[in-house]
Amino acid sequence: MLISVWDMFVQAWTQIRAHLGRSLLTALGIIISITGVIAITGVMQGLELMVNRQLTSLGSELVMVQSAGSTKLVRREWDALSSQVAGIKSLVASQQIAFRHNVTGDEIAVRYGKLRKNVSVASASMLLPQLYQVLPLQGRFILASDEAAHHRVCVISEDLIAALGLPQNPLGVKLGFAHFSLEIVGVLPPVKKAGPRQLAQMYIPFGLAQELENNTRTLSFAFTLKDSNQHQSVIRQVRQVLRASLARAPNEQDGFTIQDAGQLRAANDEIIQMISVVLVLLVSISMLVGAIGIMNVMLVAVTQRTREIGVLRALGATKWHIRLQFLIEASSISGLGAMVGLVLGVSLANIFVKLTFDDVNRIVLPLWPMLSAVGVALLVGVLAGAWPAMRAAQLDPIEALAAE
C-alpha cells in the first residue's frame, strides 16, 4: 500500500493549516454552539452552587411557608402559628411591599436629595436578622414598638449607601418613600443574589405598610425547629393550624406550601435543569448551521481539488482512502471548532459567574459535558463530511487527472 492512513491524516491537516482562517470560519457554527453549551453549563453550575451554599448556611432546619393561588396569609395566621405551635422558634413573618403607583414590579423608588433608586421593599418581624444571619452592621432592625406606634423608620442594606449617595453613617438620615419621610435606624449586609425572597434592600414596619394605598400582598413565614427529630410532627401541626385558621374544609386544598431547606434545594435544582435544557436546545441550532457550513465547504473542496484526487488515485489511493481523507478533514474542522468553543465557553462562564454571583469566584466544570461536547462535534463533522467524501471517492481517476 503506497498511501497509509497516517498519510491521510497528514494530508488533511496540511489542507486545514494552509487555509486556517477559512477552516475557523467554517467551524464558526460549531464554535458558537460549543461555547454556548459550556457557558450555560458553567453558569447554571455557579447558580446552583451559590444557592446551595446559601441554603446550607441557613441550616437544614429552616422551614418556609408561602401562600398558593389566591389564598392570602394574614396576621391571623401569624398569631395562630405563634401561639399554637410549640415546636418552632425564630418565627419570622414578612411581606413584600407593592402599591398601585409601583410600575417596576417588585421594586419601588426611594429618594434621597435628587437621587432616586428602585429597590425591593418589605416588612418583616424583628427576628429576621437572626434567622437569616444578616445581623445589623449599624443601628438596629425593626422592632415591635415601631409597628405598634407606626413609626416612620426604615432599615436599609449596605449597598444603598453608595447607590443613594448617603453618608457612611446614615443613621438618622431621612429617605423619601411613597408619601412618607422615613428615618434610617439600621443598616444590614447587602442582599445576596438569588437569596431568600424574604430578604429585601429596605424594610419598613408592618404598621407603616398598612398605610400604603392598595398594598394587599400576602404574608409569608419562616422558622426553624426546636428539635430536628420532631420535623414531621411539627410540619403536620403547622399544616393543621393554618388550615384551621383559613377555615379549610377537609376536601379543600391547603392554599399554602410548606418547604424545608432540602425541598427548596430540590426545587431549585429542578428549575435550573429545566432552564439549562431549554437554553442548550436553543444554542444547539447553531450546531446544525455549523454542520451545513462544513458540508458546503467540503463540497466546494471536492470540486477545487479534483486534479489532486486524481493524483492520489494514480499513486495507489483507493476510494476508501479518499473518503477517509475528506472525513478526517471534516471531523478535524469540527474538532478544531469544539476546542476553540471549549476555551471560550469556560472563560465566559467563569467571567460571568465572578461578576454576577456572590461568593462564587471560580467554577470547575465536570469532565462529562466537555467530553460530550467534543464527541458530538466530531460526530457532526463526520456526518457533515460523509456526502462530500462519497462524491470525492466516486470521481474517475483519468477524468480527475485531466481536470484543469
Protein backbone atom coordinates (compact mmCIF):
# COMPACT_ATOMS: atom_id res chain seq x y z
CA MET A 1 0.00 0.00 0.00
CA LEU A 2 1.65 3.20 -1.15
CA ILE A 3 -0.57 5.51 0.91
CA SER A 4 -1.14 4.82 4.60
CA VAL A 5 -3.88 6.06 6.90
CA TRP A 6 -1.31 8.30 8.57
CA ASP A 7 -0.63 9.94 5.21
CA MET A 8 -4.34 10.73 5.01
CA PHE A 9 -4.21 12.45 8.42
CA VAL A 10 -1.13 14.43 7.42
CA GLN A 11 -2.69 15.47 4.13
CA ALA A 12 -5.94 16.51 5.82
CA TRP A 13 -4.20 18.66 8.43
CA THR A 14 -1.93 20.16 5.76
CA GLN A 15 -5.05 21.39 3.99
CA ILE A 16 -6.51 22.78 7.27
CA ARG A 17 -3.29 24.63 8.18
CA ALA A 18 -2.97 26.01 4.67
CA HIS A 19 -6.44 27.57 4.98
CA LEU A 20 -6.67 28.08 8.76
CA GLY A 21 -8.80 31.23 8.56
CA ARG A 22 -11.28 29.56 6.25
CA SER A 23 -11.36 26.50 8.49
CA LEU A 24 -12.17 28.57 11.58
CA LEU A 25 -14.92 30.43 9.73
CA THR A 26 -16.28 27.11 8.52
CA ALA A 27 -16.33 25.89 12.12
CA LEU A 28 -17.99 29.10 13.40
CA GLY A 29 -21.34 27.40 13.97
CA ILE A 30 -19.63 24.64 15.95
CA ILE A 31 -17.64 27.23 17.94
CA ILE A 32 -20.78 29.17 18.83
CA SER A 33 -22.77 26.09 19.85
CA ILE A 34 -19.98 24.58 21.98
CA THR A 35 -19.25 27.96 23.58
CA GLY A 36 -22.93 28.36 24.39
CA VAL A 37 -23.36 24.86 25.80
CA ILE A 38 -20.26 25.06 28.01
CA ALA A 39 -21.03 28.62 29.16
CA ILE A 40 -24.62 27.70 30.03
CA THR A 41 -23.46 24.60 31.91
CA GLY A 42 -20.93 26.69 33.85
CA VAL A 43 -23.37 29.48 34.69
CA MET A 44 -26.05 27.03 35.84
CA GLN A 45 -23.46 25.23 37.96
CA GLY A 46 -22.42 28.54 39.51
CA LEU A 47 -26.04 29.43 40.26
CA GLU A 48 -26.68 26.02 41.80
CA LEU A 49 -23.50 26.27 43.88
CA MET A 50 -24.42 29.73 45.18
CA VAL A 51 -27.99 28.79 46.12
CA ASN A 52 -26.88 25.56 47.80
CA ARG A 53 -24.27 27.48 49.81
CA GLN A 54 -26.88 29.93 50.99
CA LEU A 55 -29.33 27.18 51.94
CA THR A 56 -26.56 25.32 53.75
CA SER A 57 -25.60 28.45 55.69
CA LEU A 58 -29.23 28.86 56.79
CA GLY A 59 -29.28 25.31 58.15
CA SER A 60 -31.24 22.20 57.28
CA GLU A 61 -33.90 23.06 59.89
CA LEU A 62 -35.18 26.17 58.06
CA VAL A 63 -38.84 25.88 57.02
CA MET A 64 -40.70 28.36 54.80
CA VAL A 65 -44.46 28.80 54.41
CA GLN A 66 -45.88 30.70 51.44
CA SER A 67 -49.37 31.24 50.07
CA ALA A 68 -50.53 29.42 46.95
CA GLY A 69 -53.11 30.50 44.42
CA SER A 70 -55.49 33.22 45.61
CA THR A 71 -55.11 32.38 49.30
CA LYS A 72 -53.80 35.19 51.50
CA LEU A 73 -51.94 34.61 54.71
CA VAL A 74 -52.58 37.47 57.14
CA ARG A 75 -51.94 38.46 60.75
CA ARG A 76 -54.47 35.87 61.94
CA GLU A 77 -52.31 33.02 60.62
CA TRP A 78 -49.20 34.65 62.08
CA ASP A 79 -50.78 34.79 65.55
CA ALA A 80 -52.04 31.20 65.22
CA LEU A 81 -48.56 29.86 64.44
CA SER A 82 -47.02 31.89 67.26
CA SER A 83 -49.48 30.72 69.90
CA GLN A 84 -50.42 27.18 68.85
CA VAL A 85 -47.24 25.53 67.51
CA ALA A 86 -44.79 24.81 70.30
CA GLY A 87 -42.08 23.11 68.22
CA ILE A 88 -40.94 26.16 66.23
CA LYS A 89 -38.59 29.01 67.07
CA SER A 90 -37.45 32.26 65.45
CA LEU A 91 -40.76 32.64 63.63
CA VAL A 92 -40.45 35.44 61.05
CA ALA A 93 -43.34 36.96 59.13
CA SER A 94 -42.63 39.10 56.09
CA GLN A 95 -44.49 40.89 53.34
CA GLN A 96 -43.14 42.13 50.02
CA ILE A 97 -44.38 45.69 49.55
CA ALA A 98 -46.17 46.81 46.41
CA PHE A 99 -48.76 49.52 45.79
CA ARG A 100 -50.69 50.99 42.92
CA HIS A 101 -48.06 53.54 41.92
CA ASN A 102 -45.37 50.86 41.68
CA VAL A 103 -44.52 50.46 37.98
CA THR A 104 -41.33 48.41 38.34
CA GLY A 105 -42.65 45.05 39.55
CA ASP A 106 -41.23 44.26 42.99
CA GLU A 107 -39.14 47.43 43.19
CA ILE A 108 -40.18 50.85 44.48
CA ALA A 109 -38.43 54.19 44.09
CA VAL A 110 -36.65 55.54 47.17
CA ARG A 111 -35.43 59.14 47.17
CA TYR A 112 -32.54 60.96 48.83
CA GLY A 113 -31.98 64.51 47.71
CA LYS A 114 -32.05 64.50 43.91
CA LEU A 115 -31.19 60.79 43.64
CA ARG A 116 -33.76 58.04 43.12
CA LYS A 117 -33.18 54.31 43.26
CA ASN A 118 -35.58 51.45 42.60
CA VAL A 119 -35.25 49.00 45.48
CA SER A 120 -37.04 45.94 46.84
CA VAL A 121 -39.04 46.82 49.95
CA ALA A 122 -40.51 44.51 52.60
CA SER A 123 -41.97 44.45 56.06
CA ALA A 124 -40.59 41.81 58.41
CA SER A 125 -40.80 40.85 62.07
CA MET A 126 -37.91 41.58 64.39
CA LEU A 127 -36.24 38.13 64.31
CA LEU A 128 -35.43 38.22 60.58
CA PRO A 129 -31.74 39.19 61.06
CA GLN A 130 -31.17 36.27 63.45
CA LEU A 131 -33.00 33.75 61.27
CA TYR A 132 -31.20 34.67 58.03
CA GLN A 133 -27.89 35.58 59.66
CA VAL A 134 -27.91 39.18 58.41
CA LEU A 135 -27.19 40.99 61.67
CA PRO A 136 -27.17 44.81 61.52
CA LEU A 137 -23.85 46.44 60.64
CA GLN A 138 -25.10 49.70 62.10
CA GLY A 139 -28.05 50.52 64.32
CA ARG A 140 -30.89 48.04 64.77
CA PHE A 141 -33.69 46.22 62.97
CA ILE A 142 -37.43 46.97 63.00
CA LEU A 143 -38.94 46.50 66.49
CA ALA A 144 -42.45 45.59 67.60
CA SER A 145 -42.73 49.08 69.06
CA ASP A 146 -42.13 50.59 65.60
CA GLU A 147 -45.10 48.65 64.28
CA ALA A 148 -47.38 49.46 67.18
CA ALA A 149 -46.61 53.19 67.05
CA HIS A 150 -46.49 53.40 63.22
CA HIS A 151 -43.00 54.92 63.45
CA ARG A 152 -41.69 56.46 60.22
CA VAL A 153 -38.47 54.40 60.22
CA CYS A 154 -36.65 52.05 57.86
CA VAL A 155 -33.70 49.68 57.71
CA ILE A 156 -31.58 49.59 54.54
CA SER A 157 -28.98 47.26 53.05
CA GLU A 158 -25.39 48.48 52.91
CA ASP A 159 -25.30 48.73 49.12
CA LEU A 160 -27.86 51.57 49.20
CA ILE A 161 -25.38 53.84 50.99
CA ALA A 162 -23.29 54.27 47.82
CA ALA A 163 -26.26 53.97 45.45
CA LEU A 164 -28.09 56.90 47.07
CA GLY A 165 -25.01 58.91 48.00
CA LEU A 166 -25.70 58.56 51.74
CA PRO A 167 -23.08 59.33 54.40
CA GLN A 168 -21.09 56.34 55.65
CA ASN A 169 -23.05 56.52 58.89
CA PRO A 170 -26.58 57.05 57.57
CA LEU A 171 -28.41 56.56 60.89
CA GLY A 172 -30.88 59.36 61.38
CA VAL A 173 -30.89 60.37 57.70
CA LYS A 174 -34.36 60.73 56.12
CA LEU A 175 -35.34 58.92 52.90
CA GLY A 176 -38.33 59.66 50.69
CA PHE A 177 -40.59 56.66 50.15
CA ALA A 178 -44.08 56.93 48.61
CA HIS A 179 -45.57 59.92 50.50
CA PHE A 180 -43.50 59.23 53.64
CA SER A 181 -40.23 60.57 55.01
CA LEU A 182 -38.51 57.65 56.75
CA GLU A 183 -35.64 57.82 59.23
CA ILE A 184 -32.88 55.22 58.77
CA VAL A 185 -32.43 53.29 62.04
CA GLY A 186 -30.29 50.39 60.83
CA VAL A 187 -28.04 49.03 58.09
CA LEU A 188 -27.93 45.34 57.09
CA PRO A 189 -25.40 43.49 54.90
CA PRO A 190 -26.10 43.66 51.13
CA VAL A 191 -28.76 41.29 49.81
CA LYS A 192 -27.15 38.37 48.01
CA LYS A 193 -28.35 37.47 44.53
CA ALA A 194 -30.74 34.50 44.44
CA GLY A 195 -31.11 34.79 48.20
CA PRO A 196 -34.33 34.02 50.13
CA ARG A 197 -37.33 36.01 48.89
CA GLN A 198 -37.97 37.36 52.39
CA LEU A 199 -34.81 39.47 52.14
CA ALA A 200 -35.03 42.97 50.66
CA GLN A 201 -32.99 46.14 50.25
CA MET A 202 -35.22 48.15 52.59
CA TYR A 203 -37.54 47.22 55.46
CA ILE A 204 -40.40 49.20 56.97
CA PRO A 205 -42.75 48.40 59.88
CA PHE A 206 -45.93 46.41 59.19
CA GLY A 207 -47.99 49.27 60.56
CA LEU A 208 -46.48 51.63 58.01
CA ALA A 209 -47.06 49.12 55.22
CA GLN A 210 -50.77 49.06 56.07
CA GLU A 211 -50.98 52.77 55.33
CA LEU A 212 -49.82 52.27 51.76
CA GLU A 213 -52.65 52.58 49.27
CA ASN A 214 -53.69 49.25 47.73
CA ASN A 215 -50.90 47.27 49.43
CA THR A 216 -52.54 43.84 49.62
CA ARG A 217 -49.59 41.46 49.45
CA THR A 218 -49.88 38.26 51.47
CA LEU A 219 -47.59 37.33 54.35
CA SER A 220 -45.03 34.56 54.21
CA PHE A 221 -43.47 32.81 57.20
CA ALA A 222 -40.15 31.21 58.01
CA PHE A 223 -38.93 29.46 61.14
CA THR A 224 -36.57 26.84 62.48
CA LEU A 225 -37.33 23.76 64.57
CA LYS A 226 -36.56 23.43 68.24
CA ASP A 227 -35.90 19.72 67.74
CA SER A 228 -34.96 18.42 64.29
CA ASN A 229 -36.11 14.92 65.32
CA GLN A 230 -39.68 16.27 65.51
CA HIS A 231 -39.61 17.60 61.93
CA GLN A 232 -42.56 15.65 60.54
CA SER A 233 -44.81 16.10 63.57
CA VAL A 234 -44.15 19.87 63.69
CA ILE A 235 -44.86 20.23 59.95
CA ARG A 236 -48.15 18.33 60.40
CA GLN A 237 -49.09 20.61 63.27
CA VAL A 238 -48.25 23.74 61.25
CA ARG A 239 -50.44 22.48 58.40
CA GLN A 240 -53.33 21.72 60.77
CA VAL A 241 -53.10 25.14 62.45
CA LEU A 242 -53.02 27.01 59.15
CA ARG A 243 -55.90 25.01 57.66
CA ALA A 244 -57.97 25.69 60.77
CA SER A 245 -57.13 29.41 60.66
CA LEU A 246 -58.05 29.56 56.96
CA ALA A 247 -61.25 27.56 57.63
CA ARG A 248 -60.37 24.93 55.05
CA ALA A 249 -62.86 22.11 54.53
CA PRO A 250 -61.44 18.54 54.64
CA ASN A 251 -61.63 18.17 50.85
CA GLU A 252 -60.16 21.62 50.09
CA GLN A 253 -56.55 22.24 49.10
CA ASP A 254 -54.25 23.85 51.63
CA GLY A 255 -53.81 27.14 49.81
CA PHE A 256 -50.21 27.34 51.01
CA THR A 257 -46.92 25.47 50.62
CA ILE A 258 -44.52 24.31 53.32
CA GLN A 259 -40.93 23.71 52.24
CA ASP A 260 -37.80 22.90 54.18
CA ALA A 261 -34.23 23.56 53.03
CA GLY A 262 -33.96 20.16 51.32
CA GLN A 263 -37.16 20.70 49.33
CA LEU A 264 -36.06 24.22 48.39
CA ARG A 265 -32.76 22.83 47.15
CA ALA A 266 -34.50 20.10 45.12
CA ALA A 267 -36.95 22.60 43.61
CA ASN A 268 -34.08 24.92 42.73
CA ASP A 269 -32.13 22.09 41.09
CA GLU A 270 -35.17 21.11 39.03
CA ILE A 271 -35.71 24.67 37.82
CA ILE A 272 -32.03 25.02 36.90
CA GLN A 273 -32.12 21.75 34.94
CA MET A 274 -35.23 22.82 33.01
CA ILE A 275 -33.69 26.19 32.12
CA SER A 276 -30.44 24.50 31.10
CA VAL A 277 -32.20 22.04 28.79
CA VAL A 278 -34.17 24.79 27.04
CA LEU A 279 -31.11 27.01 26.57
CA VAL A 280 -28.94 24.13 25.35
CA LEU A 281 -31.60 23.15 22.79
CA LEU A 282 -31.74 26.72 21.52
CA VAL A 283 -27.97 27.02 21.28
CA SER A 284 -27.73 23.63 19.54
CA ILE A 285 -29.43 25.11 16.48
CA SER A 286 -26.08 26.70 15.67
CA MET A 287 -24.61 23.16 15.62
CA LEU A 288 -26.91 22.36 12.69
CA VAL A 289 -25.84 25.58 10.97
CA GLY A 290 -22.22 24.61 11.54
CA ALA A 291 -22.79 21.17 10.04
CA ILE A 292 -24.32 22.71 6.92
CA GLY A 293 -21.37 25.08 6.63
CA ILE A 294 -18.84 22.25 6.85
CA MET A 295 -20.74 20.24 4.24
CA ASN A 296 -20.84 23.17 1.81
CA VAL A 297 -17.12 23.90 2.21
CA MET A 298 -16.18 20.26 1.72
CA LEU A 299 -18.36 20.01 -1.39
CA VAL A 300 -16.58 23.04 -2.82
CA ALA A 301 -13.24 21.46 -1.87
CA VAL A 302 -14.09 18.34 -3.89
CA THR A 303 -14.59 20.50 -6.98
CA GLN A 304 -11.45 22.55 -6.38
CA ARG A 305 -9.24 19.55 -5.67
CA THR A 306 -10.36 17.26 -8.48
CA ARG A 307 -6.86 17.03 -10.00
CA GLU A 308 -5.33 16.37 -6.54
CA ILE A 309 -7.77 13.49 -6.07
CA GLY A 310 -6.73 12.09 -9.46
CA VAL A 311 -3.04 12.22 -8.46
CA LEU A 312 -3.79 10.39 -5.19
CA ARG A 313 -5.70 7.70 -7.06
CA ALA A 314 -2.83 7.34 -9.53
CA LEU A 315 -0.41 6.86 -6.61
CA GLY A 316 -2.46 3.98 -5.29
CA ALA A 317 -5.07 5.61 -3.08
CA THR A 318 -8.32 3.63 -3.02
CA LYS A 319 -11.84 5.03 -2.79
CA TRP A 320 -11.68 4.21 0.92
CA HIS A 321 -8.56 6.39 1.31
CA ILE A 322 -10.21 9.32 -0.46
CA ARG A 323 -13.35 9.00 1.66
CA LEU A 324 -11.22 8.79 4.80
CA GLN A 325 -9.22 11.92 3.93
CA PHE A 326 -12.32 14.05 3.45
CA LEU A 327 -13.93 12.61 6.57
CA ILE A 328 -10.77 13.42 8.54
CA GLU A 329 -10.80 16.97 7.22
CA ALA A 330 -14.47 17.50 8.08
CA SER A 331 -14.19 15.99 11.56
CA SER A 332 -10.92 17.87 12.21
CA ILE A 333 -12.52 21.20 11.31
CA SER A 334 -15.40 20.33 13.65
CA GLY A 335 -12.99 19.20 16.38
CA LEU A 336 -10.97 22.41 15.98
CA GLY A 337 -14.19 24.39 16.44
CA ALA A 338 -15.03 22.31 19.52
CA MET A 339 -11.66 23.02 21.14
CA VAL A 340 -11.95 26.77 20.48
CA GLY A 341 -15.53 26.65 21.81
CA LEU A 342 -14.39 24.86 24.98
CA VAL A 343 -11.80 27.53 25.75
CA LEU A 344 -14.24 30.37 25.07
CA GLY A 345 -17.09 28.66 26.95
CA VAL A 346 -15.08 28.01 30.12
CA SER A 347 -13.66 31.54 30.04
CA LEU A 348 -17.05 33.21 29.53
CA ALA A 349 -18.67 31.05 32.24
CA ASN A 350 -16.03 31.99 34.81
CA ILE A 351 -16.18 35.69 33.91
CA PHE A 352 -19.99 35.75 34.15
CA VAL A 353 -20.08 33.80 37.41
CA LYS A 354 -17.44 36.03 39.01
CA LEU A 355 -19.26 39.22 38.00
CA THR A 356 -22.78 38.02 38.77
CA PHE A 357 -22.86 35.58 41.67
CA ASP A 358 -21.87 36.33 45.24
CA ASP A 359 -19.31 34.09 46.98
CA VAL A 360 -18.52 32.19 43.75
CA ASN A 361 -15.24 33.32 42.19
CA ARG A 362 -14.46 30.30 40.03
CA ILE A 363 -16.16 27.14 38.84
CA VAL A 364 -14.64 23.81 37.89
CA LEU A 365 -16.72 22.20 35.15
CA PRO A 366 -17.15 18.42 35.31
CA LEU A 367 -15.41 16.45 32.58
CA TRP A 368 -18.52 14.83 31.11
CA PRO A 369 -20.08 17.94 29.46
CA MET A 370 -16.77 18.87 27.83
CA LEU A 371 -16.14 15.34 26.53
CA SER A 372 -19.75 15.11 25.36
CA ALA A 373 -19.46 18.43 23.52
CA VAL A 374 -16.28 17.35 21.73
CA GLY A 375 -17.79 13.95 20.91
CA VAL A 376 -20.93 15.48 19.44
CA ALA A 377 -18.87 17.97 17.44
CA LEU A 378 -16.74 15.19 15.95
CA LEU A 379 -19.87 13.20 15.11
CA VAL A 380 -21.37 16.25 13.42
CA GLY A 381 -18.17 16.67 11.42
CA VAL A 382 -18.23 13.04 10.26
CA LEU A 383 -21.91 13.26 9.27
CA ALA A 384 -21.38 16.60 7.50
CA GLY A 385 -18.38 15.25 5.59
CA ALA A 386 -19.98 11.96 4.58
CA TRP A 387 -21.63 13.19 1.38
CA PRO A 388 -18.62 15.23 0.13
CA ALA A 389 -16.37 12.24 0.90
CA MET A 390 -18.58 9.92 -1.14
CA ARG A 391 -18.59 12.35 -4.07
CA ALA A 392 -14.81 12.63 -3.96
CA ALA A 393 -14.38 8.86 -3.88
CA GLN A 394 -16.65 8.40 -6.91
CA LEU A 395 -14.51 10.62 -9.20
CA ASP A 396 -12.95 8.76 -12.13
CA PRO A 397 -9.11 8.87 -11.78
CA ILE A 398 -8.48 9.53 -15.51
CA GLU A 399 -11.04 12.33 -15.69
CA ALA A 400 -9.72 13.77 -12.45
CA LEU A 401 -6.14 13.86 -13.79
CA ALA A 402 -7.33 15.56 -16.96
CA ALA A 403 -9.16 18.28 -14.99
CA GLU A 404 -7.71 21.81 -15.02
